[in-house]
């Protein structure tokens, strides 16, 4: 089985992991151009539990969030890069999530034990709300590291 899986398969696997007493950590993001900040975040998120699941934003969502010239890499390529990382156990390629409620429903079905985020991230309210609704623990696993940002990398071109 590969690391990129469907929501249905992920939900089944998570139930099995939880039955074995394993903790599931959930993170989300664009991960457009991997940089040291991403790697550190994913490694520290993995250490917060046993299984690390990445919700990978759709190309349309990245465009909405970052602008018309983004993403630099397609969702398929971003998923492929994430599969190469030892810290990442599973990747769910998200469709365009048109509302916070859609995201919340998905997280409630996944039922993570922990939702991890980088401290200093501009808007943590979304993740905090999803953690509360899914009865997960919200946890900052690292601070922002220097000037690492995909947008800054692309601006230097």
N, C-alpha and C. Protein backbone atom coordinates (compact mmCIF):
# COMPACT_ATOMS: atom_id res chain seq x y z
N UNK A 1 0.85 -1.19 0.00
CA UNK A 1 0.00 0.00 0.00
C UNK A 1 0.89 1.24 0.00
N UNK A 2 0.53 2.23 -0.78
CA UNK A 2 1.28 3.47 -0.82
C UNK A 2 0.88 4.42 0.29
N UNK A 3 1.58 5.51 0.36
CA UNK A 3 1.29 6.51 1.39
C UNK A 3 0.11 7.40 1.01
N UNK A 4 -0.14 7.59 -0.28
CA UNK A 4 -1.25 8.43 -0.73
C UNK A 4 -2.49 7.53 -0.80
N UNK A 5 -3.48 7.85 0.05
CA UNK A 5 -4.64 6.97 0.14
C UNK A 5 -5.93 7.79 0.15
N UNK A 6 -7.03 7.09 -0.03
CA UNK A 6 -8.35 7.73 -0.03
C UNK A 6 -8.80 7.99 1.41
N UNK A 7 -9.77 8.87 1.54
CA UNK A 7 -10.32 9.19 2.85
C UNK A 7 -10.93 7.94 3.49
N UNK A 8 -11.62 7.15 2.69
CA UNK A 8 -12.27 5.94 3.21
C UNK A 8 -11.25 4.96 3.78
N UNK A 9 -10.17 4.73 3.03
CA UNK A 9 -9.13 3.81 3.48
C UNK A 9 -8.43 4.37 4.72
N UNK A 10 -8.18 5.68 4.73
CA UNK A 10 -7.53 6.32 5.87
C UNK A 10 -8.36 6.14 7.14
N UNK A 11 -9.64 6.37 7.04
CA UNK A 11 -10.53 6.26 8.20
C UNK A 11 -10.52 4.83 8.75
N UNK A 12 -10.51 3.84 7.87
CA UNK A 12 -10.44 2.44 8.30
C UNK A 12 -9.11 2.14 8.99
N UNK A 13 -8.02 2.61 8.38
CA UNK A 13 -6.70 2.37 8.97
C UNK A 13 -6.56 3.03 10.34
N UNK A 14 -7.07 4.25 10.45
CA UNK A 14 -6.96 4.97 11.72
C UNK A 14 -7.71 4.23 12.82
N UNK A 15 -8.84 3.66 12.50
CA UNK A 15 -9.59 2.87 13.47
C UNK A 15 -8.73 1.71 13.96
N UNK A 16 -8.04 1.04 13.03
CA UNK A 16 -7.16 -0.07 13.39
C UNK A 16 -6.00 0.41 14.26
N UNK A 17 -5.39 1.55 13.90
CA UNK A 17 -4.28 2.09 14.69
C UNK A 17 -4.73 2.39 16.12
N UNK A 18 -5.88 3.02 16.23
CA UNK A 18 -6.39 3.39 17.56
C UNK A 18 -6.69 2.15 18.39
N UNK A 19 -7.19 1.11 17.75
CA UNK A 19 -7.47 -0.14 18.47
C UNK A 19 -6.19 -0.76 19.02
N UNK A 20 -5.05 -0.45 18.39
CA UNK A 20 -3.74 -0.94 18.84
C UNK A 20 -3.05 0.04 19.79
N UNK A 21 -3.77 1.13 20.15
CA UNK A 21 -3.22 2.09 21.09
C UNK A 21 -2.26 3.10 20.47
N UNK A 22 -2.23 3.20 19.14
CA UNK A 22 -1.35 4.15 18.47
C UNK A 22 -2.02 5.52 18.37
N UNK A 23 -1.22 6.57 18.54
CA UNK A 23 -1.72 7.94 18.45
C UNK A 23 -1.53 8.47 17.03
N UNK A 24 -2.59 9.07 16.50
CA UNK A 24 -2.59 9.63 15.14
C UNK A 24 -2.46 11.14 15.22
N UNK A 25 -1.46 11.66 14.51
CA UNK A 25 -1.22 13.10 14.43
C UNK A 25 -1.64 13.56 13.05
N UNK A 26 -2.40 14.65 13.00
CA UNK A 26 -2.89 15.20 11.75
C UNK A 26 -2.30 16.58 11.52
N UNK A 27 -1.80 16.80 10.31
CA UNK A 27 -1.33 18.12 9.89
C UNK A 27 -1.92 18.40 8.52
N UNK A 28 -1.90 19.65 8.14
CA UNK A 28 -2.40 20.02 6.82
C UNK A 28 -1.57 21.14 6.25
N UNK A 29 -1.65 21.29 4.94
CA UNK A 29 -0.94 22.40 4.33
C UNK A 29 -0.80 22.26 2.84
N UNK A 30 -0.09 23.22 2.28
CA UNK A 30 0.15 23.28 0.83
C UNK A 30 1.40 22.49 0.46
N UNK A 31 2.48 22.68 1.22
CA UNK A 31 3.76 22.01 0.99
C UNK A 31 4.17 22.12 -0.47
N UNK A 32 4.13 23.35 -0.99
CA UNK A 32 4.37 23.58 -2.42
C UNK A 32 5.83 23.37 -2.80
N UNK A 33 6.73 24.03 -2.13
CA UNK A 33 8.16 23.80 -2.33
C UNK A 33 8.72 23.45 -0.96
N UNK A 34 9.08 22.19 -0.79
CA UNK A 34 9.57 21.75 0.52
C UNK A 34 10.82 22.51 0.91
N UNK A 35 10.86 22.97 2.14
CA UNK A 35 12.02 23.69 2.66
C UNK A 35 12.29 23.22 4.08
N UNK A 36 13.40 23.67 4.70
CA UNK A 36 13.76 23.19 6.04
C UNK A 36 12.66 23.37 7.09
N UNK A 37 11.87 24.42 6.99
CA UNK A 37 10.78 24.62 7.94
C UNK A 37 9.74 23.51 7.84
N UNK A 38 9.41 23.10 6.61
CA UNK A 38 8.46 22.00 6.42
C UNK A 38 9.01 20.71 7.02
N UNK A 39 10.26 20.42 6.72
CA UNK A 39 10.86 19.17 7.18
C UNK A 39 10.87 19.10 8.71
N UNK A 40 11.31 20.18 9.35
CA UNK A 40 11.34 20.21 10.81
C UNK A 40 9.95 20.05 11.38
N UNK A 41 8.98 20.76 10.82
CA UNK A 41 7.60 20.66 11.28
C UNK A 41 7.09 19.23 11.19
N UNK A 42 7.29 18.60 10.04
CA UNK A 42 6.78 17.24 9.85
C UNK A 42 7.48 16.24 10.78
N UNK A 43 8.78 16.39 10.96
CA UNK A 43 9.51 15.50 11.86
C UNK A 43 9.04 15.65 13.30
N UNK A 44 8.82 16.89 13.73
CA UNK A 44 8.37 17.12 15.11
C UNK A 44 6.92 16.69 15.29
N UNK A 45 6.10 16.88 14.27
CA UNK A 45 4.72 16.41 14.34
C UNK A 45 4.68 14.89 14.49
N UNK A 46 5.51 14.21 13.75
CA UNK A 46 5.59 12.74 13.83
C UNK A 46 5.96 12.31 15.24
N UNK A 47 6.90 13.01 15.87
CA UNK A 47 7.34 12.66 17.22
C UNK A 47 6.25 12.86 18.27
N UNK A 48 5.22 13.62 17.94
CA UNK A 48 4.12 13.86 18.87
C UNK A 48 3.19 12.66 18.99
N UNK A 49 3.33 11.70 18.08
CA UNK A 49 2.48 10.51 18.10
C UNK A 49 3.16 9.35 17.40
N UNK A 50 2.34 8.46 16.86
CA UNK A 50 2.86 7.27 16.19
C UNK A 50 2.67 7.31 14.67
N UNK A 51 1.56 7.85 14.23
CA UNK A 51 1.19 7.87 12.81
C UNK A 51 0.98 9.32 12.41
N UNK A 52 1.67 9.75 11.35
CA UNK A 52 1.50 11.13 10.86
C UNK A 52 0.73 11.13 9.54
N UNK A 53 -0.38 11.86 9.56
CA UNK A 53 -1.23 12.00 8.38
C UNK A 53 -1.17 13.45 7.91
N UNK A 54 -0.92 13.64 6.62
CA UNK A 54 -0.88 14.97 6.02
C UNK A 54 -2.11 15.15 5.14
N UNK A 55 -2.88 16.21 5.43
CA UNK A 55 -3.96 16.62 4.53
C UNK A 55 -3.35 17.63 3.57
N UNK A 56 -3.29 17.28 2.30
CA UNK A 56 -2.62 18.09 1.29
C UNK A 56 -3.64 18.89 0.49
N UNK A 57 -3.51 20.21 0.57
CA UNK A 57 -4.46 21.11 -0.10
C UNK A 57 -4.47 20.92 -1.61
N UNK A 58 -5.64 21.12 -2.20
CA UNK A 58 -5.82 21.02 -3.65
C UNK A 58 -5.12 22.19 -4.35
N UNK A 59 -4.90 22.03 -5.64
CA UNK A 59 -4.29 23.11 -6.42
C UNK A 59 -5.18 24.36 -6.40
N UNK A 60 -6.49 24.16 -6.49
CA UNK A 60 -7.41 25.31 -6.47
C UNK A 60 -7.33 26.06 -5.15
N UNK A 61 -7.24 25.32 -4.05
CA UNK A 61 -7.16 25.96 -2.74
C UNK A 61 -5.85 26.73 -2.60
N UNK A 62 -4.76 26.14 -3.06
CA UNK A 62 -3.46 26.83 -3.00
C UNK A 62 -3.53 28.12 -3.81
N UNK A 63 -4.16 28.06 -4.96
CA UNK A 63 -4.31 29.26 -5.80
C UNK A 63 -5.11 30.33 -5.06
N UNK A 64 -6.18 29.92 -4.39
CA UNK A 64 -6.99 30.87 -3.61
C UNK A 64 -6.17 31.50 -2.48
N UNK A 65 -5.37 30.68 -1.82
CA UNK A 65 -4.60 31.16 -0.67
C UNK A 65 -3.37 31.96 -1.05
N UNK A 66 -2.69 31.53 -2.13
CA UNK A 66 -1.35 32.06 -2.44
C UNK A 66 -1.28 32.91 -3.70
N UNK A 67 -2.31 32.87 -4.56
CA UNK A 67 -2.30 33.69 -5.77
C UNK A 67 -2.28 32.88 -7.04
N UNK A 68 -2.48 33.57 -8.16
CA UNK A 68 -2.69 32.91 -9.45
C UNK A 68 -1.48 32.14 -9.96
N UNK A 69 -0.29 32.48 -9.52
CA UNK A 69 0.91 31.78 -9.98
C UNK A 69 1.25 30.56 -9.14
N UNK A 70 0.38 30.20 -8.25
CA UNK A 70 0.62 29.07 -7.37
C UNK A 70 -0.48 28.04 -7.54
N UNK A 71 -0.27 26.80 -7.27
CA UNK A 71 0.96 26.26 -6.73
C UNK A 71 2.05 26.15 -7.80
N UNK A 72 3.26 26.09 -7.35
CA UNK A 72 4.39 25.89 -8.25
C UNK A 72 4.39 24.44 -8.74
N UNK A 73 4.13 23.52 -7.81
CA UNK A 73 4.03 22.09 -8.13
C UNK A 73 2.57 21.66 -7.97
N UNK A 74 2.13 20.78 -8.85
CA UNK A 74 0.76 20.25 -8.76
C UNK A 74 0.60 19.44 -7.48
N UNK A 75 -0.64 19.22 -7.10
CA UNK A 75 -0.93 18.42 -5.92
C UNK A 75 -0.32 17.02 -6.05
N UNK A 76 -0.38 16.48 -7.25
CA UNK A 76 0.18 15.14 -7.47
C UNK A 76 1.69 15.13 -7.20
N UNK A 77 2.41 16.15 -7.68
CA UNK A 77 3.85 16.22 -7.44
C UNK A 77 4.17 16.52 -5.98
N UNK A 78 3.37 17.38 -5.36
CA UNK A 78 3.58 17.68 -3.93
C UNK A 78 3.40 16.42 -3.10
N UNK A 79 2.39 15.62 -3.44
CA UNK A 79 2.15 14.35 -2.73
C UNK A 79 3.34 13.42 -2.93
N UNK A 80 3.84 13.36 -4.14
CA UNK A 80 4.99 12.48 -4.43
C UNK A 80 6.20 12.88 -3.59
N UNK A 81 6.46 14.18 -3.46
CA UNK A 81 7.59 14.64 -2.65
C UNK A 81 7.39 14.27 -1.18
N UNK A 82 6.18 14.43 -0.68
CA UNK A 82 5.90 14.10 0.72
C UNK A 82 6.06 12.60 0.99
N UNK A 83 5.76 11.76 0.01
CA UNK A 83 5.90 10.31 0.21
C UNK A 83 7.36 9.93 0.45
N UNK A 84 8.29 10.74 0.00
CA UNK A 84 9.71 10.44 0.17
C UNK A 84 10.20 10.72 1.59
N UNK A 85 9.40 11.41 2.38
CA UNK A 85 9.83 11.78 3.72
C UNK A 85 9.49 10.67 4.71
N UNK A 86 10.48 10.28 5.49
CA UNK A 86 10.32 9.20 6.45
C UNK A 86 9.26 9.53 7.50
N UNK A 87 9.14 10.78 7.88
CA UNK A 87 8.21 11.18 8.94
C UNK A 87 6.75 11.02 8.53
N UNK A 88 6.48 11.08 7.24
CA UNK A 88 5.09 11.06 6.75
C UNK A 88 4.63 9.62 6.52
N UNK A 89 3.53 9.26 7.19
CA UNK A 89 2.99 7.92 7.03
C UNK A 89 1.92 7.85 5.94
N UNK A 90 1.01 8.85 5.93
CA UNK A 90 -0.07 8.85 4.96
C UNK A 90 -0.37 10.26 4.49
N UNK A 91 -0.82 10.34 3.24
CA UNK A 91 -1.18 11.62 2.63
C UNK A 91 -2.57 11.48 2.04
N UNK A 92 -3.42 12.43 2.39
CA UNK A 92 -4.75 12.50 1.80
C UNK A 92 -4.79 13.74 0.94
N UNK A 93 -4.92 13.54 -0.37
CA UNK A 93 -5.01 14.67 -1.30
C UNK A 93 -6.44 15.21 -1.22
N UNK A 94 -6.56 16.42 -0.70
CA UNK A 94 -7.87 17.01 -0.50
C UNK A 94 -8.46 17.53 -1.81
N UNK A 95 -9.77 17.40 -1.96
CA UNK A 95 -10.45 18.15 -3.01
C UNK A 95 -10.52 19.61 -2.53
N UNK A 96 -11.04 20.49 -3.35
CA UNK A 96 -11.25 21.86 -2.90
C UNK A 96 -12.27 21.83 -1.77
N UNK A 97 -11.83 22.24 -0.60
CA UNK A 97 -12.72 22.30 0.56
C UNK A 97 -13.35 23.69 0.54
N UNK A 98 -14.65 23.76 0.23
CA UNK A 98 -15.30 25.05 -0.01
C UNK A 98 -15.75 25.76 1.26
N UNK A 99 -15.62 25.08 2.41
CA UNK A 99 -16.03 25.73 3.66
C UNK A 99 -15.29 25.11 4.83
N UNK A 100 -15.24 25.85 5.91
CA UNK A 100 -14.65 25.33 7.14
C UNK A 100 -15.44 24.12 7.63
N UNK A 101 -16.74 24.12 7.39
CA UNK A 101 -17.58 23.00 7.82
C UNK A 101 -17.18 21.71 7.10
N UNK A 102 -16.82 21.80 5.82
CA UNK A 102 -16.38 20.62 5.07
C UNK A 102 -15.11 20.04 5.68
N UNK A 103 -14.18 20.92 5.99
CA UNK A 103 -12.92 20.50 6.61
C UNK A 103 -13.22 19.86 7.98
N UNK A 104 -14.05 20.52 8.76
CA UNK A 104 -14.38 20.02 10.10
C UNK A 104 -15.01 18.62 10.03
N UNK A 105 -15.91 18.40 9.07
CA UNK A 105 -16.55 17.09 8.92
C UNK A 105 -15.52 16.01 8.61
N UNK A 106 -14.57 16.34 7.74
CA UNK A 106 -13.53 15.38 7.39
C UNK A 106 -12.67 15.04 8.61
N UNK A 107 -12.25 16.05 9.35
CA UNK A 107 -11.42 15.83 10.53
C UNK A 107 -12.19 15.00 11.57
N UNK A 108 -13.48 15.25 11.72
CA UNK A 108 -14.28 14.47 12.66
C UNK A 108 -14.35 13.01 12.24
N UNK A 109 -14.37 12.73 10.95
CA UNK A 109 -14.37 11.34 10.47
C UNK A 109 -13.01 10.68 10.69
N UNK A 110 -11.94 11.45 10.52
CA UNK A 110 -10.59 10.92 10.69
C UNK A 110 -10.31 10.64 12.17
N UNK A 111 -10.81 11.48 13.05
CA UNK A 111 -10.66 11.33 14.50
C UNK A 111 -9.19 11.26 14.95
N UNK A 112 -8.38 12.26 14.62
CA UNK A 112 -6.99 12.22 15.07
C UNK A 112 -6.92 12.39 16.59
N UNK A 113 -5.81 11.98 17.14
CA UNK A 113 -5.57 12.21 18.57
C UNK A 113 -4.98 13.60 18.78
N UNK A 114 -4.20 14.05 17.81
CA UNK A 114 -3.49 15.33 17.90
C UNK A 114 -3.58 16.04 16.56
N UNK A 115 -3.83 17.35 16.60
CA UNK A 115 -3.70 18.20 15.42
C UNK A 115 -2.52 19.11 15.70
N UNK A 116 -1.50 19.01 14.86
CA UNK A 116 -0.24 19.73 15.09
C UNK A 116 -0.13 20.93 14.17
N UNK A 117 0.55 21.96 14.68
CA UNK A 117 0.74 23.20 13.93
C UNK A 117 2.06 23.83 14.35
N UNK A 118 2.57 24.70 13.49
CA UNK A 118 3.76 25.49 13.80
C UNK A 118 3.32 26.73 14.56
N UNK A 119 3.99 27.02 15.67
CA UNK A 119 3.70 28.22 16.45
C UNK A 119 4.12 29.44 15.63
N UNK A 120 3.25 30.43 15.56
CA UNK A 120 3.52 31.62 14.76
C UNK A 120 2.77 31.60 13.44
N UNK A 121 2.10 30.49 13.17
CA UNK A 121 1.26 30.38 11.98
C UNK A 121 0.16 31.42 12.09
N UNK A 122 -0.12 32.11 11.02
CA UNK A 122 -1.00 33.28 11.04
C UNK A 122 -2.39 33.02 11.62
N UNK A 123 -3.01 31.90 11.27
CA UNK A 123 -4.38 31.67 11.72
C UNK A 123 -4.54 30.25 12.23
N UNK A 124 -4.47 30.07 13.52
CA UNK A 124 -4.61 28.75 14.14
C UNK A 124 -6.05 28.45 14.55
N UNK A 125 -6.95 29.41 14.41
CA UNK A 125 -8.33 29.21 14.86
C UNK A 125 -9.00 28.02 14.19
N UNK A 126 -8.73 27.86 12.90
CA UNK A 126 -9.32 26.76 12.13
C UNK A 126 -8.93 25.41 12.73
N UNK A 127 -7.62 25.23 13.00
CA UNK A 127 -7.13 23.98 13.55
C UNK A 127 -7.61 23.76 14.99
N UNK A 128 -7.64 24.84 15.76
CA UNK A 128 -8.12 24.73 17.14
C UNK A 128 -9.59 24.30 17.17
N UNK A 129 -10.39 24.87 16.29
CA UNK A 129 -11.81 24.52 16.23
C UNK A 129 -11.97 23.05 15.81
N UNK A 130 -11.20 22.63 14.78
CA UNK A 130 -11.28 21.24 14.32
C UNK A 130 -10.86 20.28 15.42
N UNK A 131 -9.85 20.65 16.19
CA UNK A 131 -9.39 19.80 17.30
C UNK A 131 -10.51 19.66 18.34
N UNK A 132 -11.14 20.75 18.67
CA UNK A 132 -12.20 20.71 19.67
C UNK A 132 -13.37 19.84 19.19
N UNK A 133 -13.77 20.03 17.93
CA UNK A 133 -14.90 19.27 17.39
C UNK A 133 -14.61 17.78 17.29
N UNK A 134 -13.36 17.43 17.02
CA UNK A 134 -13.01 16.02 16.86
C UNK A 134 -12.45 15.40 18.14
N UNK A 135 -12.46 16.20 19.23
CA UNK A 135 -11.95 15.76 20.53
C UNK A 135 -10.47 15.39 20.48
N UNK A 136 -9.74 16.08 19.61
CA UNK A 136 -8.29 15.88 19.49
C UNK A 136 -7.57 16.93 20.34
N UNK A 137 -6.34 16.66 20.64
CA UNK A 137 -5.51 17.63 21.34
C UNK A 137 -4.87 18.54 20.28
N UNK A 138 -4.91 19.84 20.50
CA UNK A 138 -4.23 20.79 19.62
C UNK A 138 -2.84 21.01 20.19
N UNK A 139 -1.82 20.93 19.34
CA UNK A 139 -0.46 21.03 19.85
C UNK A 139 0.45 21.77 18.87
N UNK A 140 1.16 22.78 19.40
CA UNK A 140 2.23 23.40 18.64
C UNK A 140 3.45 22.50 18.78
N UNK A 141 4.04 22.10 17.67
CA UNK A 141 5.17 21.17 17.74
C UNK A 141 6.51 21.85 17.46
N UNK A 142 6.49 23.03 16.88
CA UNK A 142 7.72 23.77 16.61
C UNK A 142 7.38 25.24 16.44
N UNK A 143 8.40 26.06 16.51
CA UNK A 143 8.24 27.48 16.21
C UNK A 143 8.63 27.70 14.76
N UNK A 144 8.23 28.86 14.23
CA UNK A 144 8.67 29.24 12.89
C UNK A 144 10.19 29.29 12.89
N UNK A 145 10.78 28.74 11.85
CA UNK A 145 12.24 28.68 11.76
C UNK A 145 12.76 29.67 10.72
N UNK A 146 13.32 30.75 11.18
CA UNK A 146 13.94 31.72 10.28
C UNK A 146 13.01 32.24 9.22
N UNK A 147 13.57 32.44 8.05
CA UNK A 147 12.83 33.01 6.92
C UNK A 147 12.35 31.95 5.94
N UNK A 148 12.16 30.74 6.39
CA UNK A 148 11.75 29.68 5.47
C UNK A 148 10.28 29.85 5.10
N UNK A 149 10.05 30.05 3.83
CA UNK A 149 8.70 30.23 3.32
C UNK A 149 8.74 29.97 1.82
N UNK A 150 7.79 29.18 1.33
CA UNK A 150 7.73 28.93 -0.12
C UNK A 150 7.55 30.24 -0.88
N UNK A 151 6.70 31.12 -0.37
CA UNK A 151 6.47 32.40 -1.05
C UNK A 151 7.77 33.20 -1.14
N UNK A 152 8.55 33.24 -0.07
CA UNK A 152 9.83 33.97 -0.11
C UNK A 152 10.81 33.32 -1.08
N UNK A 153 10.83 32.02 -1.12
CA UNK A 153 11.71 31.30 -2.06
C UNK A 153 11.35 31.69 -3.48
N UNK A 154 10.07 31.67 -3.80
CA UNK A 154 9.64 31.98 -5.16
C UNK A 154 9.84 33.46 -5.50
N UNK A 155 9.75 34.33 -4.51
CA UNK A 155 9.97 35.77 -4.75
C UNK A 155 11.42 36.07 -5.11
N UNK A 156 12.33 35.19 -4.74
CA UNK A 156 13.76 35.40 -5.02
C UNK A 156 14.14 35.02 -6.45
N UNK A 157 13.23 34.42 -7.19
CA UNK A 157 13.52 33.98 -8.56
C UNK A 157 13.94 35.12 -9.45
